[in-house]
Every structure is written in C-alpha cells, then in structure tokens.
PDB file of N, CA and C in Angstrom:
ATOM      1  N   MET A   1     203.651 113.510 102.190  1.00  0.00           N
ATOM      2  CA  MET A   1     203.799 112.621 102.960  1.00  0.00           C
ATOM      3  C   MET A   1     202.346 112.591 103.642  1.00  0.00           C
ATOM      4  N   ILE A   2     201.116 111.917 103.427  1.00  0.00           N
ATOM      5  CA  ILE A   2     199.517 112.601 104.353  1.00  0.00           C
ATOM      6  C   ILE A   2     199.286 111.138 104.963  1.00  0.00           C
ATOM      7  N   ASN A   3     199.085 111.584 105.904  1.00  0.00           N
ATOM      8  CA  ASN A   3     198.724 110.849 107.289  1.00  0.00           C
ATOM      9  C   ASN A   3     197.125 110.942 106.756  1.00  0.00           C
ATOM     10  N   PHE A   4     196.551 109.800 107.030  1.00  0.00           N
ATOM     11  CA  PHE A   4     194.850 108.929 107.369  1.00  0.00           C
ATOM     12  C   PHE A   4     194.394 108.874 108.667  1.00  0.00           C
ATOM     13  N   ILE A   5     193.386 110.088 108.953  1.00  0.00           N
ATOM     14  CA  ILE A   5     193.266 109.597 110.157  1.00  0.00           C
ATOM     15  C   ILE A   5     191.585 108.889 110.391  1.00  0.00           C
ATOM     16  N   ILE A   6     191.639 107.824 111.275  1.00  0.00           N
ATOM     17  CA  ILE A   6     189.955 106.767 111.400  1.00  0.00           C
ATOM     18  C   ILE A   6     189.806 107.226 112.494  1.00  0.00           C
ATOM     19  N   SER A   7     188.495 107.963 112.825  1.00  0.00           N
ATOM     20  CA  SER A   7     187.700 107.438 113.886  1.00  0.00           C
ATOM     21  C   SER A   7     186.966 105.900 114.424  1.00  0.00           C
ATOM     22  N   VAL A   8     187.634 105.657 115.560  1.00  0.00           N
ATOM     23  CA  VAL A   8     187.653 104.460 115.586  1.00  0.00           C
ATOM     24  C   VAL A   8     185.810 104.350 115.786  1.00  0.00           C
ATOM     25  N   SER A   9     185.307 104.891 116.658  1.00  0.00           N
ATOM     26  CA  SER A   9     184.038 105.251 116.835  1.00  0.00           C
ATOM     27  C   SER A   9     183.269 104.932 115.398  1.00  0.00           C
ATOM     28  N   ASP A  10     183.720 105.282 114.374  1.00  0.00           N
ATOM     29  CA  ASP A  10     182.721 105.741 112.631  1.00  0.00           C
ATOM     30  C   ASP A  10     183.209 104.367 112.255  1.00  0.00           C
ATOM     31  N   PHE A  11     184.642 104.115 112.308  1.00  0.00           N
ATOM     32  CA  PHE A  11     184.932 102.475 111.776  1.00  0.00           C
ATOM     33  C   PHE A  11     183.882 101.369 112.461  1.00  0.00           C
ATOM     34  N   GLN A  12     184.056 101.535 113.399  1.00  0.00           N
ATOM     35  CA  GLN A  12     183.543 100.297 114.110  1.00  0.00           C
ATOM     36  C   GLN A  12     181.770 100.464 114.160  1.00  0.00           C
ATOM     37  N   ASP A  13     181.349 101.587 113.534  1.00  0.00           N
ATOM     38  CA  ASP A  13     180.232 101.858 113.102  1.00  0.00           C
ATOM     39  C   ASP A  13     179.580 101.149 111.434  1.00  0.00           C
ATOM     40  N   ALA A  14     180.238 101.347 110.906  1.00  0.00           N
ATOM     41  CA  ALA A  14     180.480 101.040 109.692  1.00  0.00           C
ATOM     42  C   ALA A  14     180.059  99.804 109.745  1.00  0.00           C
ATOM     43  N   ILE A  15     181.303  98.740 110.125  1.00  0.00           N
ATOM     44  CA  ILE A  15     181.091  97.253 110.441  1.00  0.00           C
ATOM     45  C   ILE A  15     180.171  96.535 110.566  1.00  0.00           C
ATOM     46  N   THR A  16     179.658  97.228 112.143  1.00  0.00           N
ATOM     47  CA  THR A  16     178.290  96.413 112.747  1.00  0.00           C
ATOM     48  C   THR A  16     177.034  96.775 112.074  1.00  0.00           C
ATOM     49  N   LEU A  17     176.910  98.141 110.579  1.00  0.00           N
ATOM     50  CA  LEU A  17     175.536  98.211 110.091  1.00  0.00           C
ATOM     51  C   LEU A  17     176.268  98.085 109.125  1.00  0.00           C
ATOM     52  N   LYS A  18     177.354  96.930 108.808  1.00  0.00           N
ATOM     53  CA  LYS A  18     177.888  96.517 107.482  1.00  0.00           C
ATOM     54  C   LYS A  18     177.656  97.429 105.836  1.00  0.00           C
ATOM     55  N   ASN A  19     178.140  98.415 106.509  1.00  0.00           N
ATOM     56  CA  ASN A  19     178.385  99.545 105.373  1.00  0.00           C
ATOM     57  C   ASN A  19     179.390  99.374 104.981  1.00  0.00           C
ATOM     58  N   TRP A  20     179.443  97.916 104.033  1.00  0.00           N
ATOM     59  CA  TRP A  20     181.068  97.784 103.021  1.00  0.00           C
ATOM     60  C   TRP A  20     181.794  98.564 102.642  1.00  0.00           C
ATOM     61  N   GLY A  21     180.936  99.344 101.803  1.00  0.00           N
ATOM     62  CA  GLY A  21     181.556 100.269 100.981  1.00  0.00           C
ATOM     63  C   GLY A  21     182.386 101.412 101.817  1.00  0.00           C
ATOM     64  N   LEU A  22     182.055 101.887 102.797  1.00  0.00           N
ATOM     65  CA  LEU A  22     182.373 102.435 103.471  1.00  0.00           C
ATOM     66  C   LEU A  22     183.852 102.293 104.233  1.00  0.00           C
ATOM     67  N   VAL A  23     183.504 100.750 104.649  1.00  0.00           N
ATOM     68  CA  VAL A  23     184.578 100.074 105.224  1.00  0.00           C
ATOM     69  C   VAL A  23     186.060  99.749 104.370  1.00  0.00           C
ATOM     70  N   ASP A  24     185.502  99.405 103.296  1.00  0.00           N
ATOM     71  CA  ASP A  24     186.662  99.336 101.488  1.00  0.00           C
ATOM     72  C   ASP A  24     187.055 100.793 101.593  1.00  0.00           C
ATOM     73  N   ALA A  25     186.567 101.448 101.738  1.00  0.00           N
ATOM     74  CA  ALA A  25     187.042 103.325 101.680  1.00  0.00           C
ATOM     75  C   ALA A  25     188.126 103.458 102.652  1.00  0.00           C
ATOM     76  N   HIS A  26     187.760 102.583 103.928  1.00  0.00           N
ATOM     77  CA  HIS A  26     189.101 103.484 104.784  1.00  0.00           C
ATOM     78  C   HIS A  26     190.056 102.703 103.890  1.00  0.00           C
ATOM     79  N   ILE A  27     190.043 101.424 104.198  1.00  0.00           N
ATOM     80  CA  ILE A  27     191.188 100.338 104.090  1.00  0.00           C
ATOM     81  C   ILE A  27     191.971 100.966 102.464  1.00  0.00           C
ATOM     82  N   GLU A  28     191.178 101.487 101.351  1.00  0.00           N
ATOM     83  CA  GLU A  28     191.586 101.468 100.075  1.00  0.00           C
ATOM     84  C   GLU A  28     192.463 103.109 100.628  1.00  0.00           C
ATOM     85  N   TRP A  29     192.154 103.587 101.812  1.00  0.00           N
ATOM     86  CA  TRP A  29     193.179 105.183 101.921  1.00  0.00           C
ATOM     87  C   TRP A  29     193.998 105.075 103.166  1.00  0.00           C
ATOM     88  N   ALA A  30     193.801 103.528 103.395  1.00  0.00           N
ATOM     89  CA  ALA A  30     194.810 103.608 104.488  1.00  0.00           C
ATOM     90  C   ALA A  30     195.915 103.058 103.884  1.00  0.00           C
ATOM     91  N   GLU A  31     195.550 102.173 102.795  1.00  0.00           N
ATOM     92  CA  GLU A  31     196.968 101.366 101.400  1.00  0.00           C
ATOM     93  C   GLU A  31     197.573 102.849 101.034  1.00  0.00           C
ATOM     94  N   LYS A  32     197.180 104.057 100.780  1.00  0.00           N
ATOM     95  CA  LYS A  32     197.329 104.540  99.950  1.00  0.00           C
ATOM     96  C   LYS A  32     198.349 105.419 100.587  1.00  0.00           C
ATOM     97  N   ALA A  33     197.467 105.636 101.528  1.00  0.00           N
ATOM     98  CA  ALA A  33     198.655 106.596 102.845  1.00  0.00           C
ATOM     99  C   ALA A  33     200.058 105.877 103.448  1.00  0.00           C
ATOM    100  N   VAL A  34     199.922 104.725 103.403  1.00  0.00           N
ATOM    101  CA  VAL A  34     201.170 104.047 103.543  1.00  0.00           C
ATOM    102  C   VAL A  34     201.531 103.481 102.549  1.00  0.00           C
ATOM    103  N   LYS A  35     201.554 103.756 101.721  1.00  0.00           N
ATOM    104  CA  LYS A  35     201.937 103.621 100.386  1.00  0.00           C
ATOM    105  C   LYS A  35     203.102 104.861  99.846  1.00  0.00           C
ATOM    106  N   ASN A  36     202.380 106.032 100.468  1.00  0.00           N
ATOM    107  CA  ASN A  36     203.201 106.925  99.851  1.00  0.00           C
ATOM    108  C   ASN A  36     204.396 107.475 101.202  1.00  0.00           C
ATOM    109  N   GLY A  37     203.939 106.527 102.434  1.00  0.00           N
ATOM    110  CA  GLY A  37     205.255 106.825 102.978  1.00  0.00           C
ATOM    111  C   GLY A  37     204.272 107.660 104.602  1.00  0.00           C
ATOM    112  N   GLY A  38     202.973 107.998 104.492  1.00  0.00           N
ATOM    113  CA  GLY A  38     201.841 108.201 105.725  1.00  0.00           C
ATOM    114  C   GLY A  38     202.107 107.107 106.657  1.00  0.00           C
ATOM    115  N   LYS A  39     200.801 107.453 107.432  1.00  0.00           N
ATOM    116  CA  LYS A  39     200.751 106.788 108.460  1.00  0.00           C
ATOM    117  C   LYS A  39     199.093 106.799 108.458  1.00  0.00           C
ATOM    118  N   VAL A  40     198.864 105.949 108.688  1.00  0.00           N
ATOM    119  CA  VAL A  40     196.846 105.598 109.483  1.00  0.00           C
ATOM    120  C   VAL A  40     197.249 105.870 110.817  1.00  0.00           C
ATOM    121  N   ILE A  41     195.970 106.806 111.281  1.00  0.00           N
ATOM    122  CA  ILE A  41     196.635 106.841 112.904  1.00  0.00           C
ATOM    123  C   ILE A  41     194.768 106.453 113.460  1.00  0.00           C
ATOM    124  N   PHE A  42     194.760 106.469 114.083  1.00  0.00           N
ATOM    125  CA  PHE A  42     193.082 105.757 115.198  1.00  0.00           C
ATOM    126  C   PHE A  42     193.186 106.506 116.115  1.00  0.00           C
ATOM    127  N   GLU A  43     191.536 107.036 116.074  1.00  0.00           N
ATOM    128  CA  GLU A  43     191.475 108.091 116.955  1.00  0.00           C
ATOM    129  C   GLU A  43     190.446 107.989 118.005  1.00  0.00           C
ATOM    130  N   GLN A  44     190.565 107.756 118.759  1.00  0.00           N
ATOM    131  CA  GLN A  44     189.045 107.826 120.199  1.00  0.00           C
ATOM    132  C   GLN A  44     188.790 109.495 119.916  1.00  0.00           C
ATOM    133  N   ARG A  45     187.408 109.541 119.607  1.00  0.00           N
ATOM    134  CA  ARG A  45     187.031 111.263 119.382  1.00  0.00           C
ATOM    135  C   ARG A  45     186.312 111.325 120.712  1.00  0.00           C
ATOM    136  N   TYR A  46     186.463 112.409 121.310  1.00  0.00           N
ATOM    137  CA  TYR A  46     185.359 113.046 122.446  1.00  0.00           C
ATOM    138  C   TYR A  46     184.648 114.100 122.019  1.00  0.00           C
ATOM    139  N   GLU A  47     183.526 114.800 122.475  1.00  0.00           N
ATOM    140  CA  GLU A  47     182.918 115.647 122.299  1.00  0.00           C
ATOM    141  C   GLU A  47     183.711 117.094 123.275  1.00  0.00           C
ATOM    142  N   ASN A  48     183.584 116.617 124.220  1.00  0.00           N
ATOM    143  CA  ASN A  48     184.488 117.960 125.099  1.00  0.00           C
ATOM    144  C   ASN A  48     186.042 117.650 125.703  1.00  0.00           C
ATOM    145  N   ALA A  49     186.624 116.823 124.462  1.00  0.00           N
ATOM    146  CA  ALA A  49     188.137 116.823 124.762  1.00  0.00           C
ATOM    147  C   ALA A  49     188.683 116.631 123.452  1.00  0.00           C
ATOM    148  N   SER A  50     189.901 116.228 123.657  1.00  0.00           N
ATOM    149  CA  SER A  50     190.463 116.464 122.568  1.00  0.00           C
ATOM    150  C   SER A  50     190.774 115.052 122.156  1.00  0.00           C
ATOM    151  N   ALA A  51     191.074 114.511 121.208  1.00  0.00           N
ATOM    152  CA  ALA A  51     191.119 113.285 120.591  1.00  0.00           C
ATOM    153  C   ALA A  51     192.198 112.114 121.310  1.00  0.00           C
ATOM    154  N   ASP A  52     191.874 111.047 121.486  1.00  0.00           N
ATOM    155  CA  ASP A  52     193.203 110.362 122.200  1.00  0.00           C
ATOM    156  C   ASP A  52     193.232 109.637 120.826  1.00  0.00           C
ATOM    157  N   THR A  53     194.851 108.994 120.631  1.00  0.00           N
ATOM    158  CA  THR A  53     195.370 108.389 119.487  1.00  0.00           C
ATOM    159  C   THR A  53     195.284 106.662 120.274  1.00  0.00           C
ATOM    160  N   ILE A  54     194.817 105.984 119.546  1.00  0.00           N
ATOM    161  CA  ILE A  54     194.458 104.810 119.711  1.00  0.00           C
ATOM    162  C   ILE A  54     195.875 103.690 119.540  1.00  0.00           C
ATOM    163  N   MET A  55     196.282 103.854 118.248  1.00  0.00           N
ATOM    164  CA  MET A  55     196.491 103.310 117.351  1.00  0.00           C
ATOM    165  C   MET A  55     197.887 103.971 115.966  1.00  0.00           C
ATOM    166  N   GLU A  56     198.730 103.218 115.583  1.00  0.00           N
ATOM    167  CA  GLU A  56     199.250 104.240 114.240  1.00  0.00           C
ATOM    168  C   GLU A  56     199.855 103.205 113.968  1.00  0.00           C
ATOM    169  N   ILE A  57     199.529 103.073 111.973  1.00  0.00           N
ATOM    170  CA  ILE A  57     200.499 102.351 111.097  1.00  0.00           C
ATOM    171  C   ILE A  57     201.106 103.033 110.406  1.00  0.00           C
ATOM    172  N   SER A  58     202.023 102.432 110.132  1.00  0.00           N
ATOM    173  CA  SER A  58     203.319 103.236 109.343  1.00  0.00           C
ATOM    174  C   SER A  58     204.098 102.249 108.110  1.00  0.00           C
ATOM    175  N   THR A  59     203.825 100.792 108.473  1.00  0.00           N
ATOM    176  CA  THR A  59     204.655 100.087 107.692  1.00  0.00           C
ATOM    177  C   THR A  59     203.443  98.822 106.935  1.00  0.00           C
ATOM    178  N   LYS A  60     203.894  98.637 105.803  1.00  0.00           N
ATOM    179  CA  LYS A  60     203.258  97.515 105.081  1.00  0.00           C
ATOM    180  C   LYS A  60     202.388  96.698 105.971  1.00  0.00           C
ATOM    181  N   GLU A  61     203.551  95.689 106.905  1.00  0.00           N
ATOM    182  CA  GLU A  61     203.585  94.736 107.577  1.00  0.00           C
ATOM    183  C   GLU A  61     202.026  95.085 108.492  1.00  0.00           C
ATOM    184  N   ASP A  62     202.492  96.289 109.516  1.00  0.00           N
ATOM    185  CA  ASP A  62     201.541  96.296 109.904  1.00  0.00           C
ATOM    186  C   ASP A  62     199.718  96.343 109.557  1.00  0.00           C
ATOM    187  N   LEU A  63     199.997  97.100 108.193  1.00  0.00           N
ATOM    188  CA  LEU A  63     198.753  97.363 107.614  1.00  0.00           C
ATOM    189  C   LEU A  63     198.039  96.187 107.533  1.00  0.00           C
ATOM    190  N   LYS A  64     199.006  95.129 106.598  1.00  0.00           N
ATOM    191  CA  LYS A  64     198.400  93.749 106.291  1.00  0.00           C
ATOM    192  C   LYS A  64     197.823  93.060 107.777  1.00  0.00           C
ATOM    193  N   ASN A  65     198.399  93.310 109.425  1.00  0.00           N
ATOM    194  CA  ASN A  65     198.011  92.409 110.103  1.00  0.00           C
ATOM    195  C   ASN A  65     196.527  93.141 110.321  1.00  0.00           C
ATOM    196  N   TRP A  66     196.409  94.665 110.375  1.00  0.00           N
ATOM    197  CA  TRP A  66     195.385  95.123 110.575  1.00  0.00           C
ATOM    198  C   TRP A  66     194.622  94.806 109.974  1.00  0.00           C
ATOM    199  N   LYS A  67     194.413  94.788 108.471  1.00  0.00           N
ATOM    200  CA  LYS A  67     193.736  94.578 107.420  1.00  0.00           C
ATOM    201  C   LYS A  67     192.849  92.892 107.815  1.00  0.00           C
ATOM    202  N   ASN A  68     193.835  91.773 108.311  1.00  0.00           N
ATOM    203  CA  ASN A  68     193.756  90.881 108.308  1.00  0.00           C
ATOM    204  C   ASN A  68     192.740  90.236 109.950  1.00  0.00           C
ATOM    205  N   LYS A  69     193.013  91.655 111.042  1.00  0.00           N
ATOM    206  CA  LYS A  69     192.103  91.243 111.780  1.00  0.00           C
ATOM    207  C   LYS A  69     190.670  92.396 111.775  1.00  0.00           C
ATOM    208  N   VAL A  70     190.910  93.168 110.801  1.00  0.00           N
ATOM    209  CA  VAL A  70     189.495  93.400 110.049  1.00  0.00           C
ATOM    210  C   VAL A  70     188.533  92.244 109.703  1.00  0.00           C
ATOM    211  N   SER A  71     189.092  91.731 109.147  1.00  0.00           N
ATOM    212  CA  SER A  71     188.596  90.559 108.241  1.00  0.00           C
ATOM    213  C   SER A  71     187.841  89.839 109.071  1.00  0.00           C
ATOM    214  N   GLU A  72     188.624  89.473 110.331  1.00  0.00           N
ATOM    215  CA  GLU A  72     188.412  87.921 110.937  1.00  0.00           C
ATOM    216  C   GLU A  72     187.261  88.652 112.142  1.00  0.00           C
ATOM    217  N   VAL A  73     187.215  89.845 112.335  1.00  0.00           N
ATOM    218  CA  VAL A  73     186.122  90.584 113.485  1.00  0.00           C
ATOM    219  C   VAL A  73     184.749  90.777 112.257  1.00  0.00           C
ATOM    220  N   ILE A  74     185.053  90.774 110.838  1.00  0.00           N
ATOM    221  CA  ILE A  74     183.724  90.941 109.876  1.00  0.00           C
ATOM    222  C   ILE A  74     182.823  89.266 109.863  1.00  0.00           C
ATOM    223  N   GLU A  75     184.065  88.490 109.760  1.00  0.00           N
ATOM    224  CA  GLU A  75     184.023  86.828 109.645  1.00  0.00           C
ATOM    225  C   GLU A  75     183.156  86.407 111.020  1.00  0.00           C
ATOM    226  N   LEU A  76     183.855  86.843 112.318  1.00  0.00           N
ATOM    227  CA  LEU A  76     182.824  86.759 113.490  1.00  0.00           C
ATOM    228  C   LEU A  76     181.694  87.383 113.609  1.00  0.00           C
ATOM    229  N   ILE A  77     181.510  88.513 113.345  1.00  0.00           N
ATOM    230  CA  ILE A  77     180.375  89.168 113.131  1.00  0.00           C
ATOM    231  C   ILE A  77     178.992  88.109 112.737  1.00  0.00           C
ATOM    232  N   GLU A  78     179.551  87.997 111.335  1.00  0.00           N
ATOM    233  CA  GLU A  78     178.547  87.265 110.328  1.00  0.00           C
ATOM    234  C   GLU A  78     178.226  86.142 111.174  1.00  0.00           C
ATOM    235  N   LYS A  79     179.023  85.414 111.818  1.00  0.00           N
ATOM    236  CA  LYS A  79     179.392  83.922 111.993  1.00  0.00           C
ATOM    237  C   LYS A  79     177.980  83.668 113.138  1.00  0.00           C
ATOM    238  N   ILE A  80     178.451  85.175 114.018  1.00  0.00           N
ATOM    239  CA  ILE A  80     177.126  85.052 115.669  1.00  0.00           C
ATOM    240  C   ILE A  80     175.885  85.494 114.871  1.00  0.00           C
ATOM    241  N   LYS A  81     175.891  86.307 113.728  1.00  0.00           N
ATOM    242  CA  LYS A  81     174.571  86.577 113.455  1.00  0.00           C
ATOM    243  C   LYS A  81     173.557  85.574 112.765  1.00  0.00           C
ATOM    244  N   LYS A  82     174.520  84.776 111.795  1.00  0.00           N
ATOM    245  CA  LYS A  82     174.071  83.317 111.354  1.00  0.00           C
ATOM    246  C   LYS A  82     173.201  82.488 112.213  1.00  0.00           C
ATOM    247  N   GLU A  83     174.049  82.496 114.031  1.00  0.00           N
ATOM    248  CA  GLU A  83     173.345  81.290 114.650  1.00  0.00           C
ATOM    249  C   GLU A  83     172.759  81.813 115.652  1.00  0.00           C
ATOM    250  N   ASN A  84     172.552  83.273 115.553  1.00  0.00           N
ATOM    251  CA  ASN A  84     171.804  84.274 116.278  1.00  0.00           C
ATOM    252  C   ASN A  84     170.112  84.015 115.401  1.00  0.00           C
ATOM    253  N   GLY A  85     170.203  84.117 113.729  1.00  0.00           N
ATOM    254  CA  GLY A  85     169.126  85.106 113.549  1.00  0.00           C
ATOM    255  C   GLY A  85     168.294  83.713 112.643  1.00  0.00           C
TER     256      GLY A  85
END
C-alpha cells in the first residue's frame, strides 16, 4: 500500500498557473494510490514547522468527489478570467 502526499500549496499553484500536466499527474497518482488500497494525503507544509494534514482520501467515492471539486474550481477560474480578460 502506497500513500500519495499532495502539497496543498503546490497543487493550488499548478491550477493557478494552468500547469495542466502537473494537475493531471496529481490526479493520476491519486487514482493509483486509492486503487491499490492507499490514501491520498493533503498537507499544508511550512518551512519552520511540521506539516499539517488537511484531508485524506481513501475511497473511490471520496476521490470522485475531490476530482469533481477540482473540475469545478478550474471551470470557475476560467470563467472569471474570461469575464475579466
């Protein structure tokens, strides 16, 4: 069983910078982890302190819900940029 740890800041940056390859890679590895009985662990990392666990995903249903939320955020960002751009 392998857990996949995602830095919340790094993932947010990938979405903000439209680095879709990196976003897709995170999703792909998250799917592999859950499929093989592992967990996806979202961490907020700090320079001078231990990381905080923000969320854990261990089921296919939770993974699906997370992927839907990511898609909604991406669509919202695109909509805002079109309106302001």
